[in-house]
Amino acid sequence: IANSTTMTTFDNELNEIAQGFKQNIKVEDRKYRLKTYKDCFVGSEAVDFLITSGQAPNRDEAVILGRALQGTHLFEHVTRDHEFKYE
């Protein structure tokens, strides 16, 4: 069981990662299957950022981290029916 200090440290680290995520992930309108989605990003680009910025050592860990960020309501899937993934 994690203690409150551990959870606070994790929350603080996640918040710092979220700040970098917001500053570095390209958010724009994108078209997919003839539909335009406003203010969104591509999961694979976010995974690549998490790895190249040193926040995650590999793709699998980056996806786990991305899901943790999604859990903070930093973002949601454009159709609200998928969790964060590399694609």
N, C-alpha and C. Protein backbone atom coordinates (compact mmCIF):
# COMPACT_ATOMS: atom_id res chain seq x y z
N ILE A 1 0.86 -1.18 0.00
CA ILE A 1 0.00 0.00 0.00
C ILE A 1 0.90 1.24 0.00
N ALA A 2 0.60 2.13 -0.90
CA ALA A 2 1.39 3.36 -1.00
C ALA A 2 0.97 4.33 0.09
N ASN A 3 1.94 5.02 0.64
CA ASN A 3 1.61 6.02 1.65
C ASN A 3 1.33 7.36 0.98
N SER A 4 0.85 8.31 1.75
CA SER A 4 0.47 9.60 1.17
C SER A 4 1.65 10.36 0.59
N THR A 5 2.84 10.19 1.17
CA THR A 5 4.03 10.86 0.64
C THR A 5 4.37 10.32 -0.74
N THR A 6 4.29 9.01 -0.90
CA THR A 6 4.56 8.39 -2.19
C THR A 6 3.56 8.87 -3.23
N MET A 7 2.29 8.92 -2.87
CA MET A 7 1.25 9.36 -3.81
C MET A 7 1.44 10.83 -4.17
N THR A 8 1.81 11.66 -3.19
CA THR A 8 2.04 13.08 -3.47
C THR A 8 3.22 13.24 -4.42
N THR A 9 4.27 12.49 -4.21
CA THR A 9 5.44 12.54 -5.10
C THR A 9 5.03 12.11 -6.50
N PHE A 10 4.28 11.02 -6.61
CA PHE A 10 3.81 10.54 -7.91
C PHE A 10 2.95 11.60 -8.59
N ASP A 11 2.02 12.20 -7.85
CA ASP A 11 1.15 13.23 -8.41
C ASP A 11 1.96 14.43 -8.88
N ASN A 12 2.97 14.82 -8.12
CA ASN A 12 3.82 15.95 -8.51
C ASN A 12 4.60 15.63 -9.78
N GLU A 13 5.15 14.42 -9.86
CA GLU A 13 5.89 14.02 -11.05
C GLU A 13 4.96 13.96 -12.26
N LEU A 14 3.77 13.42 -12.07
CA LEU A 14 2.81 13.34 -13.16
C LEU A 14 2.40 14.73 -13.63
N ASN A 15 2.26 15.66 -12.70
CA ASN A 15 1.93 17.04 -13.05
C ASN A 15 3.05 17.68 -13.88
N GLU A 16 4.30 17.42 -13.50
CA GLU A 16 5.43 17.96 -14.27
C GLU A 16 5.46 17.37 -15.68
N ILE A 17 5.21 16.09 -15.78
CA ILE A 17 5.17 15.44 -17.09
C ILE A 17 4.03 16.02 -17.92
N ALA A 18 2.89 16.25 -17.28
CA ALA A 18 1.74 16.83 -17.98
C ALA A 18 2.06 18.21 -18.53
N GLN A 19 2.80 19.01 -17.78
CA GLN A 19 3.18 20.34 -18.25
C GLN A 19 4.04 20.24 -19.51
N GLY A 20 5.03 19.36 -19.50
CA GLY A 20 5.86 19.16 -20.68
C GLY A 20 5.07 18.62 -21.85
N PHE A 21 4.14 17.74 -21.55
CA PHE A 21 3.26 17.15 -22.57
C PHE A 21 2.47 18.27 -23.26
N LYS A 22 1.86 19.13 -22.47
CA LYS A 22 1.05 20.23 -23.03
C LYS A 22 1.90 21.19 -23.86
N GLN A 23 3.14 21.40 -23.45
CA GLN A 23 4.00 22.35 -24.16
C GLN A 23 4.60 21.78 -25.43
N ASN A 24 4.68 20.46 -25.54
CA ASN A 24 5.42 19.86 -26.65
C ASN A 24 4.62 19.01 -27.63
N ILE A 25 3.41 18.67 -27.29
CA ILE A 25 2.60 17.83 -28.18
C ILE A 25 1.83 18.74 -29.12
N LYS A 26 1.94 18.47 -30.40
CA LYS A 26 1.29 19.29 -31.42
C LYS A 26 -0.22 18.98 -31.44
N VAL A 27 -1.00 19.98 -31.05
CA VAL A 27 -2.46 19.87 -31.04
C VAL A 27 -3.00 20.70 -32.18
N GLU A 28 -3.79 20.07 -33.02
CA GLU A 28 -4.36 20.76 -34.17
C GLU A 28 -5.58 20.00 -34.67
N ASP A 29 -6.30 20.62 -35.59
CA ASP A 29 -7.43 19.95 -36.23
C ASP A 29 -6.86 18.89 -37.18
N ARG A 30 -7.47 17.71 -37.15
CA ARG A 30 -6.99 16.61 -38.01
C ARG A 30 -8.17 15.95 -38.69
N LYS A 31 -7.91 15.46 -39.89
CA LYS A 31 -8.95 14.75 -40.63
C LYS A 31 -8.66 13.25 -40.59
N TYR A 32 -9.72 12.48 -40.40
CA TYR A 32 -9.62 11.03 -40.40
C TYR A 32 -10.94 10.49 -40.96
N ARG A 33 -10.84 9.73 -42.03
CA ARG A 33 -12.03 9.16 -42.69
C ARG A 33 -13.08 10.22 -42.98
N LEU A 34 -12.66 11.28 -43.62
CA LEU A 34 -13.52 12.38 -44.08
C LEU A 34 -14.16 13.19 -42.95
N LYS A 35 -13.74 12.99 -41.74
CA LYS A 35 -14.26 13.76 -40.62
C LYS A 35 -13.12 14.57 -40.02
N THR A 36 -13.41 15.80 -39.64
CA THR A 36 -12.42 16.65 -39.00
C THR A 36 -12.62 16.63 -37.49
N TYR A 37 -11.53 16.37 -36.80
CA TYR A 37 -11.53 16.39 -35.33
C TYR A 37 -10.75 17.61 -34.88
N LYS A 38 -11.34 18.41 -34.04
CA LYS A 38 -10.74 19.66 -33.59
C LYS A 38 -9.80 19.44 -32.40
N ASP A 39 -8.73 20.21 -32.41
CA ASP A 39 -7.81 20.27 -31.25
C ASP A 39 -7.42 18.90 -30.72
N CYS A 40 -6.73 18.13 -31.54
CA CYS A 40 -6.33 16.79 -31.11
C CYS A 40 -4.87 16.52 -31.49
N PHE A 41 -4.37 15.40 -30.99
CA PHE A 41 -3.00 14.98 -31.29
C PHE A 41 -3.03 13.50 -31.65
N VAL A 42 -1.91 13.03 -32.19
CA VAL A 42 -1.78 11.64 -32.58
C VAL A 42 -1.04 10.90 -31.47
N GLY A 43 -1.59 9.78 -31.05
CA GLY A 43 -1.02 9.01 -29.94
C GLY A 43 0.43 8.62 -30.18
N SER A 44 0.76 8.23 -31.41
CA SER A 44 2.14 7.80 -31.68
C SER A 44 3.13 8.96 -31.50
N GLU A 45 2.71 10.17 -31.84
CA GLU A 45 3.59 11.33 -31.63
C GLU A 45 3.77 11.60 -30.13
N ALA A 46 2.72 11.41 -29.36
CA ALA A 46 2.81 11.61 -27.92
C ALA A 46 3.72 10.56 -27.30
N VAL A 47 3.60 9.31 -27.73
CA VAL A 47 4.48 8.24 -27.23
C VAL A 47 5.92 8.56 -27.57
N ASP A 48 6.17 8.98 -28.81
CA ASP A 48 7.53 9.34 -29.21
C ASP A 48 8.09 10.46 -28.34
N PHE A 49 7.26 11.46 -28.03
CA PHE A 49 7.71 12.55 -27.16
C PHE A 49 8.07 12.03 -25.78
N LEU A 50 7.23 11.19 -25.21
CA LEU A 50 7.49 10.67 -23.86
C LEU A 50 8.80 9.90 -23.81
N ILE A 51 9.13 9.22 -24.90
CA ILE A 51 10.40 8.48 -24.95
C ILE A 51 11.58 9.43 -25.16
N THR A 52 11.49 10.29 -26.16
CA THR A 52 12.63 11.17 -26.48
C THR A 52 12.90 12.19 -25.38
N SER A 53 11.87 12.54 -24.60
CA SER A 53 12.07 13.49 -23.50
C SER A 53 12.61 12.81 -22.25
N GLY A 54 12.74 11.48 -22.31
CA GLY A 54 13.28 10.74 -21.18
C GLY A 54 12.25 10.40 -20.10
N GLN A 55 11.00 10.64 -20.37
CA GLN A 55 9.96 10.34 -19.40
C GLN A 55 9.63 8.85 -19.35
N ALA A 56 9.90 8.15 -20.46
CA ALA A 56 9.64 6.71 -20.53
C ALA A 56 10.78 6.05 -21.30
N PRO A 57 11.19 4.85 -20.90
CA PRO A 57 12.32 4.19 -21.56
C PRO A 57 11.97 3.48 -22.87
N ASN A 58 10.68 3.19 -23.06
CA ASN A 58 10.28 2.45 -24.26
C ASN A 58 8.80 2.69 -24.55
N ARG A 59 8.34 2.14 -25.66
CA ARG A 59 6.96 2.37 -26.11
C ARG A 59 5.93 1.86 -25.10
N ASP A 60 6.13 0.67 -24.57
CA ASP A 60 5.16 0.12 -23.62
C ASP A 60 5.03 0.99 -22.38
N GLU A 61 6.15 1.43 -21.85
CA GLU A 61 6.13 2.30 -20.66
C GLU A 61 5.52 3.66 -20.99
N ALA A 62 5.77 4.15 -22.20
CA ALA A 62 5.20 5.43 -22.62
C ALA A 62 3.68 5.33 -22.71
N VAL A 63 3.18 4.21 -23.19
CA VAL A 63 1.73 4.02 -23.26
C VAL A 63 1.13 3.98 -21.85
N ILE A 64 1.79 3.29 -20.94
CA ILE A 64 1.31 3.25 -19.55
C ILE A 64 1.29 4.66 -18.96
N LEU A 65 2.34 5.43 -19.21
CA LEU A 65 2.41 6.81 -18.73
C LEU A 65 1.32 7.66 -19.39
N GLY A 66 1.12 7.47 -20.68
CA GLY A 66 0.06 8.19 -21.38
C GLY A 66 -1.31 7.90 -20.79
N ARG A 67 -1.54 6.66 -20.41
CA ARG A 67 -2.83 6.29 -19.79
C ARG A 67 -2.97 6.93 -18.41
N ALA A 68 -1.86 7.05 -17.69
CA ALA A 68 -1.90 7.74 -16.40
C ALA A 68 -2.25 9.22 -16.61
N LEU A 69 -1.67 9.83 -17.63
CA LEU A 69 -2.01 11.23 -17.95
C LEU A 69 -3.47 11.36 -18.36
N GLN A 70 -3.95 10.41 -19.15
CA GLN A 70 -5.34 10.42 -19.55
C GLN A 70 -6.25 10.30 -18.31
N GLY A 71 -5.81 9.53 -17.35
CA GLY A 71 -6.57 9.36 -16.11
C GLY A 71 -6.69 10.63 -15.28
N THR A 72 -5.82 11.60 -15.53
CA THR A 72 -5.90 12.89 -14.84
C THR A 72 -6.84 13.85 -15.57
N HIS A 73 -7.42 13.37 -16.66
CA HIS A 73 -8.33 14.17 -17.51
C HIS A 73 -7.60 15.27 -18.25
N LEU A 74 -6.31 15.07 -18.48
CA LEU A 74 -5.53 16.01 -19.28
C LEU A 74 -6.05 16.01 -20.72
N PHE A 75 -6.49 14.85 -21.17
CA PHE A 75 -7.05 14.71 -22.51
C PHE A 75 -7.98 13.51 -22.53
N GLU A 76 -8.73 13.37 -23.61
CA GLU A 76 -9.56 12.20 -23.82
C GLU A 76 -9.51 11.84 -25.30
N HIS A 77 -9.89 10.63 -25.62
CA HIS A 77 -9.91 10.21 -27.02
C HIS A 77 -10.97 11.04 -27.75
N VAL A 78 -10.73 11.34 -29.02
CA VAL A 78 -11.64 12.22 -29.76
C VAL A 78 -13.06 11.66 -29.83
N THR A 79 -13.20 10.34 -29.81
CA THR A 79 -14.54 9.75 -29.82
C THR A 79 -14.94 9.24 -28.42
N ARG A 80 -14.07 9.44 -27.46
CA ARG A 80 -14.30 9.08 -26.05
C ARG A 80 -14.53 7.59 -25.84
N ASP A 81 -14.01 6.76 -26.73
CA ASP A 81 -14.25 5.32 -26.57
C ASP A 81 -12.98 4.48 -26.59
N HIS A 82 -11.81 5.12 -26.47
CA HIS A 82 -10.55 4.38 -26.44
C HIS A 82 -9.67 4.94 -25.34
N GLU A 83 -8.83 4.08 -24.81
CA GLU A 83 -7.80 4.58 -23.91
C GLU A 83 -6.57 4.92 -24.76
N PHE A 84 -5.67 5.63 -24.16
CA PHE A 84 -4.44 6.05 -24.84
C PHE A 84 -3.68 4.86 -25.39
N LYS A 85 -3.22 4.97 -26.64
CA LYS A 85 -2.43 3.90 -27.24
C LYS A 85 -1.52 4.45 -28.33
N TYR A 86 -0.63 3.61 -28.77
CA TYR A 86 0.35 3.99 -29.80
C TYR A 86 -0.27 3.73 -31.16
N GLU A 87 -0.79 4.77 -31.78
CA GLU A 87 -1.27 4.68 -33.16
C GLU A 87 -1.54 6.04 -33.73
